[in-house]
Amino acid sequence: MVSTKIINVLRDDKFEEILDLFKETSAKEVIFVLPKKSRSFTNEEHFIILSSLAEKTGKKISILCSNPEVNKMAKEYKFDVLLAKGP
């Protein structure tokens, strides 16, 4: 069983597609790498759904994104926020 799964989210990926990937993985930790602007993770409902599913499945979610609004929302829903280090 894989312990960590990294999901690279593209700008035009739909939330439902990402949610399916999350559901299908057997990993206990999932890291979402998000672009600064994305169709997914644009509203609070996305965070509510993912948070609820993570709790039910015992999975830990981490977010890597340069968008401060996304990071703030991720923290509110108890996701780990990974910050990229600059040069």
Protein backbone atom coordinates (compact mmCIF):
# COMPACT_ATOMS: atom_id res chain seq x y z
CA MET A 1 0.00 0.00 0.00
CA VAL A 2 1.27 3.44 -0.93
CA SER A 3 1.66 5.77 2.03
CA THR A 4 1.61 9.10 0.16
CA LYS A 5 -0.11 10.09 -3.09
CA ILE A 6 0.67 13.36 -4.88
CA ILE A 7 -2.11 14.71 -7.09
CA ASN A 8 -1.06 17.46 -9.48
CA VAL A 9 -4.13 19.54 -10.20
CA LEU A 10 -4.26 21.37 -13.50
CA ARG A 11 -5.94 24.72 -14.01
CA ASP A 12 -9.00 23.30 -15.79
CA ASP A 13 -9.44 20.07 -13.79
CA LYS A 14 -12.94 19.66 -12.43
CA PHE A 15 -13.38 19.12 -8.71
CA GLU A 16 -15.36 15.93 -9.32
CA GLU A 17 -12.38 14.42 -11.17
CA ILE A 18 -10.03 15.29 -8.33
CA LEU A 19 -12.48 13.94 -5.78
CA ASP A 20 -12.60 10.62 -7.66
CA LEU A 21 -8.79 10.39 -7.59
CA PHE A 22 -8.86 11.04 -3.84
CA LYS A 23 -11.49 8.35 -3.28
CA GLU A 24 -9.63 5.78 -5.38
CA THR A 25 -6.23 6.08 -3.73
CA SER A 26 -5.25 3.72 -0.96
CA ALA A 27 -2.68 6.20 0.37
CA LYS A 28 -3.20 7.54 3.88
CA GLU A 29 -1.71 10.92 2.98
CA VAL A 30 -2.68 12.88 -0.13
CA ILE A 31 -0.84 15.98 -1.27
CA PHE A 32 -2.65 18.25 -3.71
CA VAL A 33 -0.35 20.45 -5.80
CA LEU A 34 -2.50 23.31 -7.05
CA PRO A 35 -1.85 26.09 -9.55
CA LYS A 36 -2.34 29.64 -8.32
CA LYS A 37 -5.65 29.82 -10.20
CA SER A 38 -7.74 26.73 -10.66
CA ARG A 39 -11.30 25.68 -11.38
CA SER A 40 -11.09 23.33 -8.41
CA PHE A 41 -10.79 24.48 -4.83
CA THR A 42 -12.48 27.76 -5.72
CA ASN A 43 -15.29 27.61 -3.23
CA GLU A 44 -15.75 26.52 0.34
CA GLU A 45 -17.98 23.60 -0.60
CA HIS A 46 -14.97 21.83 -2.17
CA PHE A 47 -13.13 22.04 1.15
CA ILE A 48 -16.17 20.87 3.11
CA ILE A 49 -16.60 17.80 0.90
CA LEU A 50 -12.90 16.86 0.99
CA SER A 51 -12.63 17.43 4.73
CA SER A 52 -15.64 15.23 5.42
CA LEU A 53 -14.35 12.47 3.16
CA ALA A 54 -10.86 12.65 4.68
CA GLU A 55 -12.34 12.27 8.15
CA LYS A 56 -14.45 9.27 7.11
CA THR A 57 -11.53 7.51 5.41
CA GLY A 58 -8.80 8.47 7.89
CA LYS A 59 -6.74 10.20 5.21
CA LYS A 60 -4.55 13.23 5.80
CA ILE A 61 -4.68 16.06 3.23
CA SER A 62 -1.90 18.51 2.44
CA ILE A 63 -2.11 21.42 0.02
CA LEU A 64 0.76 23.02 -1.89
CA CYS A 65 -0.42 26.23 -3.53
CA SER A 66 0.86 29.78 -3.97
CA ASN A 67 -2.64 31.28 -3.67
CA PRO A 68 -3.04 32.79 -0.17
CA GLU A 69 -6.85 32.49 -0.28
CA VAL A 70 -6.67 28.76 -0.99
CA ASN A 71 -4.10 28.31 1.78
CA LYS A 72 -6.27 30.19 4.26
CA MET A 73 -9.29 28.05 3.44
CA ALA A 74 -7.19 24.88 3.64
CA LYS A 75 -6.04 25.83 7.15
CA GLU A 76 -9.63 26.49 8.22
CA TYR A 77 -10.50 22.91 7.28
CA LYS A 78 -7.47 21.46 9.08
CA PHE A 79 -5.49 20.59 5.96
CA ASP A 80 -1.72 20.89 6.17
CA VAL A 81 -0.44 23.76 4.06
CA LEU A 82 2.93 23.23 2.46
CA LEU A 83 4.76 26.37 1.42
CA ALA A 84 7.15 26.35 -1.50
CA LYS A 85 10.51 27.85 -0.65
CA GLY A 86 11.66 30.68 -2.86
CA PRO A 87 15.07 30.91 -4.52
